Amino acid sequence: MKILIACEESQRVCEAFRKKGHESYSCDILPCSGGHPEWHIQGDVLEHLNENWDMMIAHPPCTYLSNAGIGWFNEEKYGDKARLRKENRLEAFEFVMKLANAPIEKIVIENPVGWLNSHYKKPTQIIQPYYFGDEESKRTCLWIKGLEPLKPTKIVKPKIYAYYKRGKKKGKPIYGNDYMKFSEDRGMIRSKTFQGIADAMADQWG
């Protein structure tokens, strides 16, 4: 199959499908950090949706769509910054809808729990990395068209990094996705698809 992995610079999903013999390409406005630039399309993915793809797996940016930053939309507290953030959220949503409505038979949209759940539709399924052998916790929603939901391959216990010491979550475990310290590349690191999920996509959808 000819497969487009939209908004992916890491090439993890792209490479997993390549190993299965498919003609897969990652596409992102950034250069790829994977080892195969010849399999990477650097540019706006919306300009490449009409190129006879059999499947697209899309990882649209979640900065303005995730519930993780919901507090920053409070206009009373943050004023114009919050209003600008809401405008960015609408633009991000429109981008996702263009991907979801692309002329491709099989489409998967991946994003965390957030704006899409309430303003698009409920996801087809919600998966965790620890369903597929990676000892990490990160709830990931999948909106699936033309394919079956992913089946867990190796369920393991997620690694606990620490416990909350105060607030509403006091005593509850902190997993890697929330334990990671702030850095300039934190968002890029968190956006990478876990290897177990990438392999499951290639095995089950390829």
Protein backbone atom coordinates (compact mmCIF):
# COMPACT_ATOMS: atom_id res chain seq x y z
CA MET A 1 0.00 0.00 0.00
CA LYS A 2 0.92 3.63 -0.46
CA ILE A 3 0.67 5.19 3.01
CA LEU A 4 0.95 8.76 4.22
CA ILE A 5 2.02 9.34 7.83
CA ALA A 6 0.91 12.93 8.34
CA CYS A 7 2.56 15.28 10.83
CA GLU A 8 5.33 12.84 11.68
CA GLU A 9 8.99 13.86 11.86
CA SER A 10 10.22 10.92 13.95
CA GLN A 11 9.41 8.37 11.18
CA ARG A 12 8.57 5.68 13.73
CA VAL A 13 5.27 4.76 12.10
CA CYS A 14 6.66 5.29 8.61
CA GLU A 15 9.57 2.95 9.27
CA ALA A 16 7.31 0.30 10.85
CA PHE A 17 5.25 0.12 7.65
CA ARG A 18 8.38 0.13 5.49
CA LYS A 19 9.57 -2.96 7.35
CA LYS A 20 6.34 -4.64 6.25
CA GLY A 21 7.05 -3.81 2.61
CA HIS A 22 4.73 -0.82 2.20
CA GLU A 23 5.49 2.43 0.38
CA SER A 24 5.06 4.71 3.36
CA TYR A 25 6.12 8.35 3.67
CA SER A 26 6.26 10.64 6.67
CA CYS A 27 5.24 14.26 6.12
CA ASP A 28 5.88 17.27 8.33
CA ILE A 29 6.85 20.94 8.06
CA LEU A 30 10.01 19.96 9.95
CA PRO A 31 12.86 17.83 8.57
CA CYS A 32 12.71 14.25 9.74
CA SER A 33 14.69 13.07 12.76
CA GLY A 34 14.47 9.48 11.54
CA GLY A 35 17.16 7.85 9.47
CA HIS A 36 15.48 7.98 6.07
CA PRO A 37 15.05 11.46 4.62
CA GLU A 38 14.29 9.81 1.27
CA TRP A 39 11.02 8.63 2.83
CA HIS A 40 10.13 12.08 4.17
CA ILE A 41 8.05 14.83 2.57
CA GLN A 42 8.92 18.15 4.18
CA GLY A 43 6.11 20.63 3.74
CA ASP A 44 2.41 21.28 4.32
CA VAL A 45 0.62 17.93 4.35
CA LEU A 46 -2.58 19.54 3.05
CA GLU A 47 -0.82 20.01 -0.28
CA HIS A 48 -0.24 16.26 -0.58
CA LEU A 49 -3.64 14.75 0.28
CA ASN A 50 -4.65 14.16 -3.35
CA GLU A 51 -1.76 11.91 -4.33
CA ASN A 52 -3.57 8.56 -4.50
CA TRP A 53 -2.86 7.31 -0.98
CA ASP A 54 -4.38 4.02 0.18
CA MET A 55 -4.11 4.97 3.84
CA MET A 56 -3.27 7.96 6.01
CA ILE A 57 -2.32 7.91 9.69
CA ALA A 58 -2.29 11.49 10.96
CA HIS A 59 -0.79 12.92 14.13
CA PRO A 60 -2.00 16.56 14.05
CA PRO A 61 -0.44 18.93 16.63
CA CYS A 62 -2.32 18.82 19.93
CA THR A 63 -1.01 22.05 21.51
CA TYR A 64 -4.40 23.79 21.29
CA LEU A 65 -6.59 20.67 21.23
CA SER A 66 -5.47 18.73 24.29
CA ASN A 67 -7.18 19.08 27.66
CA ALA A 68 -3.71 19.39 29.22
CA GLY A 69 -3.67 23.16 28.68
CA ILE A 70 -7.38 23.82 29.21
CA GLY A 71 -6.72 26.38 31.96
CA TRP A 72 -4.95 28.73 29.51
CA PHE A 73 -8.28 29.39 27.73
CA ASN A 74 -9.66 31.36 30.70
CA GLU A 75 -10.33 34.84 29.28
CA GLU A 76 -11.03 36.41 32.68
CA LYS A 77 -7.57 35.40 33.84
CA TYR A 78 -5.48 35.65 30.69
CA GLY A 79 -7.42 38.14 28.53
CA ASP A 80 -6.15 38.56 24.96
CA LYS A 81 -3.74 35.65 25.34
CA ALA A 82 -6.67 33.35 26.03
CA ARG A 83 -8.68 34.78 23.13
CA LEU A 84 -5.73 34.26 20.78
CA ARG A 85 -5.38 30.72 22.07
CA LYS A 86 -9.05 30.08 21.25
CA GLU A 87 -8.49 31.34 17.72
CA ASN A 88 -5.52 28.98 17.40
CA ARG A 89 -7.69 26.13 18.67
CA LEU A 90 -10.27 26.75 15.94
CA GLU A 91 -7.52 26.80 13.32
CA ALA A 92 -6.12 23.53 14.69
CA PHE A 93 -9.60 21.99 14.59
CA GLU A 94 -10.13 23.08 10.96
CA PHE A 95 -6.80 21.50 10.07
CA VAL A 96 -7.87 18.19 11.60
CA MET A 97 -11.18 18.29 9.72
CA LYS A 98 -9.33 18.73 6.43
CA LEU A 99 -7.32 15.62 7.25
CA ALA A 100 -10.41 13.67 8.33
CA ASN A 101 -12.23 14.57 5.09
CA ALA A 102 -9.32 13.81 2.78
CA PRO A 103 -10.08 11.64 -0.29
CA ILE A 104 -8.38 8.59 1.22
CA GLU A 105 -10.16 5.28 1.85
CA LYS A 106 -8.47 4.44 5.16
CA ILE A 107 -7.82 7.23 7.64
CA VAL A 108 -6.67 7.29 11.26
CA ILE A 109 -6.50 10.51 13.29
CA GLU A 110 -4.48 10.37 16.53
CA ASN A 111 -4.75 12.92 19.37
CA PRO A 112 -4.98 13.04 23.16
CA VAL A 113 -8.28 13.51 24.96
CA GLY A 114 -9.48 17.05 24.35
CA TRP A 115 -11.38 19.37 22.02
CA LEU A 116 -11.90 16.73 19.33
CA ASN A 117 -13.80 14.46 21.73
CA SER A 118 -16.50 17.07 22.33
CA HIS A 119 -16.47 19.07 19.08
CA TYR A 120 -15.78 16.39 16.47
CA LYS A 121 -17.02 13.05 17.78
CA LYS A 122 -16.13 10.36 20.26
CA PRO A 123 -13.00 8.43 19.25
CA THR A 124 -13.24 4.93 17.84
CA GLN A 125 -10.97 3.76 20.64
CA ILE A 126 -8.58 4.99 23.32
CA ILE A 127 -5.29 3.16 23.65
CA GLN A 128 -2.31 3.20 26.02
CA PRO A 129 1.36 2.46 25.26
CA TYR A 130 1.28 -0.23 27.97
CA TYR A 131 -1.26 -2.16 25.86
CA PHE A 132 1.57 -2.74 23.38
CA GLY A 133 4.60 -3.55 25.53
CA ASP A 134 5.86 -0.06 26.41
CA GLU A 135 5.83 0.63 30.17
CA GLU A 136 4.38 4.12 29.79
CA SER A 137 0.97 5.71 30.33
CA LYS A 138 -0.37 8.17 27.75
CA ARG A 139 -4.06 8.06 26.83
CA THR A 140 -4.29 8.30 23.07
CA CYS A 141 -7.52 8.64 21.08
CA LEU A 142 -7.90 7.16 17.61
CA TRP A 143 -10.58 8.18 15.13
CA ILE A 144 -10.61 5.37 12.58
CA LYS A 145 -12.19 5.11 9.13
CA GLY A 146 -11.99 1.96 6.99
CA LEU A 147 -9.94 -0.09 9.47
CA GLU A 148 -10.54 -2.21 12.55
CA PRO A 149 -9.57 -0.91 16.02
CA LEU A 150 -6.12 -1.94 17.21
CA LYS A 151 -5.90 -5.05 19.36
CA PRO A 152 -3.51 -5.01 22.35
CA THR A 153 -0.37 -7.03 21.71
CA LYS A 154 1.37 -7.15 25.11
CA ILE A 155 -0.25 -5.60 28.18
CA VAL A 156 2.27 -4.57 30.83
CA LYS A 157 2.14 -2.41 33.97
CA PRO A 158 2.95 1.26 33.36
CA LYS A 159 6.02 2.61 35.12
CA ILE A 160 5.33 4.96 38.04
CA TYR A 161 7.90 7.78 38.28
CA ALA A 162 6.67 9.44 41.49
CA TYR A 163 3.52 10.34 43.44
CA TYR A 164 1.75 13.67 43.72
CA LYS A 165 2.57 15.30 47.07
CA ARG A 166 -0.20 17.92 47.17
CA GLY A 167 -3.42 19.09 45.57
CA LYS A 168 -6.38 17.12 44.29
CA LYS A 169 -4.09 14.38 42.96
CA LYS A 170 -2.17 13.91 46.23
CA GLY A 171 -1.06 10.30 46.59
CA LYS A 172 -1.82 9.39 42.98
CA PRO A 173 0.95 8.08 40.70
CA ILE A 174 2.82 10.27 38.23
CA TYR A 175 3.58 8.60 34.93
CA GLY A 176 6.31 9.50 32.45
CA ASN A 177 4.20 11.76 30.25
CA ASP A 178 3.52 14.11 33.19
CA TYR A 179 6.86 13.62 34.95
CA MET A 180 8.93 14.91 32.06
CA LYS A 181 10.62 18.22 32.87
CA PHE A 182 10.10 21.29 30.70
CA SER A 183 12.50 21.77 27.80
CA GLU A 184 12.39 23.36 24.37
CA ASP A 185 11.95 19.98 22.72
CA ARG A 186 9.52 18.58 25.33
CA GLY A 187 6.57 18.79 22.96
CA MET A 188 8.43 17.01 20.17
CA ILE A 189 9.55 14.24 22.53
CA ARG A 190 6.03 13.74 23.89
CA SER A 191 4.55 13.63 20.40
CA LYS A 192 6.61 10.65 19.24
CA THR A 193 4.64 7.46 18.73
CA PHE A 194 5.72 4.65 21.04
CA GLN A 195 7.40 1.81 19.19
CA GLY A 196 4.92 -0.82 20.33
CA ILE A 197 2.00 1.19 18.93
CA ALA A 198 3.84 1.86 15.67
CA ASP A 199 4.57 -1.86 15.27
CA ALA A 200 0.96 -2.79 16.05
CA MET A 201 -0.30 -0.34 13.42
CA ALA A 202 1.98 -1.86 10.80
CA ASP A 203 1.19 -5.45 11.80
CA GLN A 204 -2.59 -5.04 12.04
CA TRP A 205 -3.32 -2.36 9.44
CA GLY A 206 -0.61 -3.29 6.96
